[in-house]
Each structure stands twice: as structure tokens, then as C-alpha cells.
């Protein structure tokens, strides 16, 4: 199919993530204050959307604590810069099996499997404009770690997000995830047109080669809105690829720690680099007000 370049592009900055990157770069924010400040700096650099996880301020390990999410949300909404808030809802579906000779019982360290209501409790508490919905189960790079999102769980979580008036960002790690996302819209669990994030190069989901990427793009319904990213060294290459394929872009320290070889990045620097690529392609970076109009979002006031 011919490329249909997107001329009006929004940037999402994935600020900190839940991976074990907290000790690999001093720029990965840990505390709610640091996460909010990094998100605000990314917004000032040109990000229209900030995607936020929270971490334990002392250890940097991923957390689901409501008070951390509340503080991040309040700090971002109280800031002088406008930005669309996107909170993860991917936590709470982690299963780590025992050794292959005895996979059960599950390993307590790292296993975090809770119900749908608890997985979206912070979304109900903070009411972001967007929250993520990882639309499938998959193996991750770590041995015997499975990100678990059953059809029943996704239907329950998706229905709760819809009822709250929060727009789900469908996280698609492979083509089957898009297939099920279309089923959720057909069933009325999610409202269309949907918002999709194509997640490329995450072991062991869709690899980040261009043929696989275009297969993912071609499985997104034409009326839906999509963004895309790739991990590590290909993050900036996928800024260009996503725009050329008709989509929007995501950058940030969740997915990549480096600005150049041997140079650790900040979130603001990654956003600034993405702005330059988009503009040199002849497209325009749009802001949060235009994103809200495009996606049918309603700005939430500070509580």
C-alpha cells in the first residue's frame, strides 16, 4: 500500500516505565515529584501526551500505590504547562513461574496478579484523559515471566475504563492484539474510533523490522488513530517510520536511555530530538489542545 504520511503529529513521552532501568541512568525518575517534573519538562519540549508509571522512591522498583499516582497527577495538573495525562494500567498482570521442572507454585518475588478493579483503581482515583490497555498476553524477555491479560480481564478492564470516561490506549505488541482490540470495539466494550500504540521490538512480541511494522499498521482500522515506538537504538528511527506510515510517535526513558552513543538522555532531550525529526520530514508537531480535539478528550481540572 502507498505511504500516507501524517502531517499533524503528536508526541507521547513515556516518562519512566516499569522496567529495571532505575540504576542504569541517573535521569530515570523515581519519586512522584521527579516523575512529574520530568513529565513537565517533556511537555515543555513538545510532548502533547505524557505516559506515566510510578516507582518506589527509595528502590526505584515499579509500584501500584494510589498515593504515588495521585501526587504525580496533581503535580502535572497544577503545572503551568498543559499536557494530556496518560496513566498505565498495565501493572497487576505479572506472573513468574517456578523452574521448568515445577512451574507451580508461582514465584512470589515478581508475581503481581490482581483483579480488574484493583488494576484500574488508580485510573478511577485520578481520572486521566487516557490510560493504557495491554491487549493480550505475551512472554517477556525475562525467563518464565508472562504478561497476563486474558480476554475476560480485558473485557472487564475495558468496560471500567469506558464507564469512567477515560480513553483506553490499546497497547498492541503483536497482530493478534489488534485482532482482539477490534473485537472489543465490535462488542461495544471499547468505543470507536480507538487509539492504538504499536509496540515494536519488545521481546517476545512483534520485532521492529519494517515489514512487521507495516503488517501492524495495515491491521489498524483506517478510522483509528495510532502511534508507534521501538526500543533502544531504533527509537528515533521509528519516529520517522511512524510519521511516514501515517501515525504519531512515542519516545521517552521507558523505552530508551540513550541520546547518542555513550550519552545518556533526559526525557526532554528525547522529545526535542523527535520534534526535530518530525519537522524535518515536513510535518507539524501538534499540542495538547489539538490532541484533545482529535481524540475527543475532555481536559480534567486539578482536584
Protein backbone atom coordinates (compact mmCIF):
# COMPACT_ATOMS: atom_id res chain seq x y z
CA UNK A 1 0.00 0.00 0.00
CA UNK A 2 1.24 3.54 -0.60
CA UNK A 3 2.54 5.51 2.35
CA UNK A 4 0.21 8.18 3.70
CA UNK A 5 2.44 10.46 5.74
CA UNK A 6 0.92 12.10 8.79
CA UNK A 7 1.30 15.89 8.56
CA UNK A 8 -0.14 16.66 12.02
CA UNK A 9 1.82 14.62 14.57
CA UNK A 10 1.55 14.38 18.33
CA UNK A 11 4.36 13.13 20.56
CA UNK A 12 3.85 10.92 23.60
CA UNK A 13 6.65 10.81 26.17
CA UNK A 14 6.82 7.56 28.17
CA UNK A 15 8.46 9.04 31.24
CA UNK A 16 9.76 6.19 33.40
CA UNK A 17 8.15 2.79 32.72
CA UNK A 18 8.33 -0.24 34.99
CA UNK A 19 11.48 -1.93 33.70
CA UNK A 20 14.64 -2.37 35.74
CA UNK A 21 16.27 0.78 34.34
CA UNK A 22 16.37 2.81 37.55
CA UNK A 23 20.02 2.02 38.24
CA UNK A 24 21.19 2.32 34.63
CA UNK A 25 20.69 6.06 34.28
CA UNK A 26 20.50 8.90 36.82
CA UNK A 27 17.87 10.52 34.60
CA UNK A 28 15.23 7.80 35.16
CA UNK A 29 12.83 9.45 37.63
CA UNK A 30 11.79 7.52 40.74
CA UNK A 31 9.77 9.66 43.15
CA UNK A 32 6.37 11.13 42.24
CA UNK A 33 7.98 14.58 42.31
CA UNK A 34 10.78 13.52 39.94
CA UNK A 35 8.33 11.76 37.60
CA UNK A 36 6.06 14.81 37.44
CA UNK A 37 8.99 17.19 36.91
CA UNK A 38 10.35 15.03 34.09
CA UNK A 39 6.89 14.86 32.51
CA UNK A 40 6.51 18.63 32.71
CA UNK A 41 9.94 19.14 31.14
CA UNK A 42 8.95 16.77 28.32
CA UNK A 43 5.75 18.75 27.77
CA UNK A 44 7.73 21.98 27.56
CA UNK A 45 9.99 20.33 24.95
CA UNK A 46 7.00 19.45 22.76
CA UNK A 47 5.26 16.33 24.10
CA UNK A 48 1.47 16.66 23.92
CA UNK A 49 0.94 13.46 25.96
CA UNK A 50 2.86 12.09 28.94
CA UNK A 51 2.57 8.39 29.76
CA UNK A 52 3.33 7.71 33.42
CA UNK A 53 4.10 4.75 35.66
CA UNK A 54 5.11 5.19 39.30
CA UNK A 55 8.02 3.74 41.25
CA UNK A 56 9.07 3.30 44.85
CA UNK A 57 11.08 6.47 45.59
CA UNK A 58 13.76 4.58 47.52
CA UNK A 59 14.35 1.47 45.43
CA UNK A 60 13.04 2.63 42.05
CA UNK A 61 11.03 -0.59 41.70
CA UNK A 62 7.66 -0.35 39.94
CA UNK A 63 4.66 0.34 42.16
CA UNK A 64 0.86 0.50 42.02
CA UNK A 65 0.39 2.75 45.08
CA UNK A 66 -2.55 5.10 44.68
CA UNK A 67 -0.93 7.93 46.63
CA UNK A 68 2.03 7.96 44.23
CA UNK A 69 -0.32 8.21 41.24
CA UNK A 70 -2.33 10.90 42.99
CA UNK A 71 0.78 13.00 43.63
CA UNK A 72 2.05 12.63 40.06
CA UNK A 73 -1.39 13.55 38.69
CA UNK A 74 -1.80 16.59 40.94
CA UNK A 75 1.68 17.92 40.22
CA UNK A 76 1.22 17.63 36.45
CA UNK A 77 -2.23 19.22 36.50
CA UNK A 78 -1.02 22.05 38.72
CA UNK A 79 1.88 22.86 36.37
CA UNK A 80 1.95 25.96 34.19
CA UNK A 81 2.31 23.84 31.04
CA UNK A 82 -0.65 21.99 29.52
CA UNK A 83 -0.32 18.28 28.65
CA UNK A 84 -2.58 15.26 28.18
CA UNK A 85 -2.15 12.76 31.03
CA UNK A 86 -1.89 9.06 30.16
CA UNK A 87 -1.54 6.61 33.07
CA UNK A 88 -0.52 2.99 32.69
CA UNK A 89 -2.96 0.23 33.61
CA UNK A 90 -0.52 -2.50 32.69
CA UNK A 91 0.55 -3.32 36.23
CA UNK A 92 -1.00 -6.19 38.16
CA UNK A 93 -0.84 -8.83 35.41
CA UNK A 94 2.66 -10.21 36.01
CA UNK A 95 3.16 -13.95 36.52
CA UNK A 96 6.56 -15.53 37.14
CA UNK A 97 6.56 -19.32 37.09
CA UNK A 98 8.84 -21.59 39.05
CA UNK A 99 11.51 -23.76 37.37
CA UNK A 100 10.51 -25.83 34.35
CA UNK A 101 10.53 -28.99 36.47
CA UNK A 102 7.99 -27.48 38.88
CA UNK A 103 6.36 -24.33 37.47
CA UNK A 104 3.84 -24.22 40.31
CA UNK A 105 3.64 -22.69 42.83
CA UNK A 106 4.37 -19.33 41.23
CA UNK A 107 7.36 -17.37 42.40
CA UNK A 108 6.27 -14.79 44.95
CA UNK A 109 9.09 -12.43 44.01
CA UNK A 110 7.90 -10.57 40.95
CA UNK A 111 4.45 -12.16 40.60
CA UNK A 112 1.79 -9.46 40.84
CA UNK A 113 -1.60 -10.73 39.68
CA UNK A 114 -4.70 -8.86 40.86
CA UNK A 115 -8.27 -8.36 39.70
CA UNK A 116 -9.61 -5.88 37.16
CA UNK A 117 -10.99 -3.47 39.75
CA UNK A 118 -7.64 -3.21 41.52
CA UNK A 119 -5.75 -2.88 38.23
CA UNK A 120 -7.73 0.25 37.35
CA UNK A 121 -8.14 1.63 40.89
CA UNK A 122 -5.67 4.45 40.25
CA UNK A 123 -7.47 5.30 37.00
CA UNK A 124 -10.75 5.65 38.90
CA UNK A 125 -8.94 7.71 41.54
CA UNK A 126 -7.09 10.09 39.22
CA UNK A 127 -9.30 10.11 36.09
CA UNK A 128 -6.57 10.71 33.50
CA UNK A 129 -7.65 11.54 29.97
CA UNK A 130 -6.03 8.33 28.65
CA UNK A 131 -4.95 5.05 30.22
CA UNK A 132 -3.32 2.04 28.62
CA UNK A 133 -4.88 -1.36 27.93
CA UNK A 134 -2.30 -4.04 27.05
CA UNK A 135 -4.47 -6.01 24.65
CA UNK A 136 -3.03 -9.51 25.01
CA UNK A 137 -0.88 -11.98 26.91
CA UNK A 138 2.77 -12.50 25.94
CA UNK A 139 6.12 -13.83 27.07
CA UNK A 140 8.67 -11.19 28.01
CA UNK A 141 12.44 -11.38 27.75
CA UNK A 142 12.89 -12.40 31.37
CA UNK A 143 12.84 -16.19 31.90
CA UNK A 144 9.38 -17.58 32.70
CA UNK A 145 7.78 -14.13 33.03
CA UNK A 146 4.37 -13.78 31.38
CA UNK A 147 2.43 -10.53 30.99
CA UNK A 148 -1.09 -11.83 31.52
CA UNK A 149 -4.18 -10.20 30.04
CA UNK A 150 -6.94 -12.75 29.49
CA UNK A 151 -9.95 -11.97 27.27
CA UNK A 152 -12.17 -11.81 30.36
CA UNK A 153 -9.79 -9.48 32.17
CA UNK A 154 -9.53 -7.18 29.15
CA UNK A 155 -13.30 -7.04 28.73
CA UNK A 156 -13.70 -6.16 32.42
CA UNK A 157 -10.92 -3.54 32.46
CA UNK A 158 -12.02 -2.04 29.14
CA UNK A 159 -15.61 -1.72 30.32
CA UNK A 160 -14.47 0.01 33.50
CA UNK A 161 -12.34 2.48 31.53
CA UNK A 162 -15.23 3.24 29.19
CA UNK A 163 -17.61 3.77 32.13
CA UNK A 164 -15.12 6.17 33.74
CA UNK A 165 -14.90 8.25 30.56
CA UNK A 166 -11.17 7.53 30.22
CA UNK A 167 -9.99 6.71 26.70
CA UNK A 168 -8.03 3.47 26.51
CA UNK A 169 -4.80 3.49 24.56
CA UNK A 170 -4.64 -0.04 23.18
CA UNK A 171 -1.09 -1.35 23.58
CA UNK A 172 -0.54 -3.83 20.74
CA UNK A 173 2.60 -5.98 20.96
CA UNK A 174 1.61 -8.26 18.08
CA UNK A 175 -1.02 -8.56 15.35
CA UNK A 176 -3.28 -10.79 17.46
CA UNK A 177 -3.61 -7.98 19.99
CA UNK A 178 -5.04 -5.76 17.26
CA UNK A 179 -7.41 -8.55 16.25
CA UNK A 180 -8.80 -8.73 19.80
CA UNK A 181 -8.94 -4.93 20.09
CA UNK A 182 -11.20 -4.84 17.04
CA UNK A 183 -13.37 -7.46 18.73
CA UNK A 184 -13.66 -5.28 21.86
CA UNK A 185 -14.84 -2.35 19.75
CA UNK A 186 -17.27 -4.57 17.84
CA UNK A 187 -18.72 -5.80 21.16
CA UNK A 188 -19.08 -2.23 22.44
CA UNK A 189 -16.65 -2.77 25.32
CA UNK A 190 -14.49 0.00 23.84
CA UNK A 191 -15.79 2.95 21.88
CA UNK A 192 -14.56 3.58 18.36
CA UNK A 193 -12.62 5.05 16.78
CA UNK A 194 -9.96 3.58 19.04
CA UNK A 195 -6.47 4.81 19.95
CA UNK A 196 -3.61 2.34 19.43
CA UNK A 197 0.06 2.21 20.41
CA UNK A 198 2.13 -0.15 18.26
CA UNK A 199 4.89 -1.55 20.47
CA UNK A 200 7.79 -2.76 18.32
CA UNK A 201 10.87 -4.71 19.30
CA UNK A 202 9.68 -5.80 22.77
CA UNK A 203 10.91 -9.38 23.32
CA UNK A 204 8.94 -11.56 22.52
CA UNK A 205 6.34 -9.55 20.70
CA UNK A 206 6.49 -8.07 17.22
CA UNK A 207 10.09 -7.49 16.06
CA UNK A 208 10.96 -3.98 14.96
CA UNK A 209 11.69 -4.69 11.31
CA UNK A 210 9.82 -2.57 8.78
CA UNK A 211 7.91 -5.46 7.20
CA UNK A 212 6.45 -6.47 10.57
CA UNK A 213 5.74 -2.84 11.39
CA UNK A 214 3.78 -2.33 8.18
CA UNK A 215 1.86 -5.54 8.87
CA UNK A 216 0.87 -3.99 12.21
CA UNK A 217 -0.04 -0.68 10.58
CA UNK A 218 -2.13 -2.45 7.94
CA UNK A 219 -4.12 -4.16 10.70
CA UNK A 220 -5.15 -0.84 12.29
CA UNK A 221 -8.60 0.21 11.02
CA UNK A 222 -8.31 3.30 8.84
CA UNK A 223 -10.54 5.41 11.09
CA UNK A 224 -8.50 4.63 14.22
CA UNK A 225 -5.58 6.77 15.46
CA UNK A 226 -2.22 5.12 16.11
CA UNK A 227 1.22 5.86 17.47
CA UNK A 228 4.30 3.67 17.39
CA UNK A 229 7.65 3.20 19.09
CA UNK A 230 10.63 0.86 19.14
CA UNK A 231 13.05 0.11 21.94
CA UNK A 232 16.62 1.25 22.34
CA UNK A 233 18.73 2.32 19.40
CA UNK A 234 15.79 2.25 16.98
CA UNK A 235 13.65 4.70 18.94
CA UNK A 236 14.42 7.67 16.71
CA UNK A 237 14.29 5.65 13.51
CA UNK A 238 10.73 4.76 14.44
CA UNK A 239 9.85 8.40 14.92
CA UNK A 240 10.41 8.76 11.18
CA UNK A 241 8.83 5.40 10.34
CA UNK A 242 5.67 6.14 12.31
CA UNK A 243 5.16 9.54 10.69
CA UNK A 244 5.77 8.16 7.19
CA UNK A 245 3.28 5.35 7.86
CA UNK A 246 0.58 7.84 8.89
CA UNK A 247 0.94 7.66 12.66
CA UNK A 248 2.11 9.55 15.70
CA UNK A 249 5.20 8.91 17.81
CA UNK A 250 6.32 7.89 21.27
CA UNK A 251 9.73 8.47 22.82
CA UNK A 252 10.99 8.51 26.39
CA UNK A 253 13.11 6.80 29.01
CA UNK A 254 10.68 3.91 29.39
CA UNK A 255 11.85 2.66 26.00
CA UNK A 256 15.36 4.05 25.51
CA UNK A 257 18.00 5.59 27.80
CA UNK A 258 20.38 7.00 25.18
CA UNK A 259 20.54 10.23 23.20
CA UNK A 260 23.69 9.27 21.31
CA UNK A 261 26.28 6.54 21.70
CA UNK A 262 27.65 6.87 25.23
CA UNK A 263 25.37 9.85 26.04
CA UNK A 264 22.53 9.25 28.47
CA UNK A 265 19.35 11.16 27.64
CA UNK A 266 16.70 13.03 29.57
CA UNK A 267 13.07 12.81 28.56
CA UNK A 268 13.10 16.41 27.39
CA UNK A 269 16.13 15.75 25.15
CA UNK A 270 14.43 12.74 23.55
CA UNK A 271 11.29 14.78 22.87
CA UNK A 272 13.36 17.61 21.42
CA UNK A 273 15.15 15.16 19.12
CA UNK A 274 11.80 13.78 17.97
CA UNK A 275 10.47 17.29 17.28
CA UNK A 276 13.45 17.91 15.00
CA UNK A 277 12.91 14.70 13.05
CA UNK A 278 9.19 15.33 12.59
CA UNK A 279 9.68 18.91 11.43
CA UNK A 280 12.48 17.96 9.03
CA UNK A 281 10.11 15.45 7.45
CA UNK A 282 7.80 18.37 6.68
CA UNK A 283 5.19 17.58 9.34
CA UNK A 284 3.94 19.75 12.21
CA UNK A 285 4.02 18.83 15.90
CA UNK A 286 0.61 19.46 17.44
CA UNK A 287 -0.12 20.35 21.05
CA UNK A 288 -2.44 19.00 23.75
CA UNK A 289 -5.47 21.10 22.79
CA UNK A 290 -5.37 19.72 19.24
CA UNK A 291 -4.87 16.19 20.56
CA UNK A 292 -7.97 16.53 22.73
CA UNK A 293 -9.97 17.70 19.74
CA UNK A 294 -8.58 14.88 17.57
CA UNK A 295 -9.28 12.13 20.12
CA UNK A 296 -12.44 13.53 21.72
CA UNK A 297 -10.85 14.05 25.13
CA UNK A 298 -12.03 16.36 27.90
CA UNK A 299 -9.36 18.14 29.94
CA UNK A 300 -9.51 17.34 33.65
CA UNK A 301 -9.17 20.20 36.10
CA UNK A 302 -6.83 19.97 39.11
CA UNK A 303 -8.55 18.40 42.11
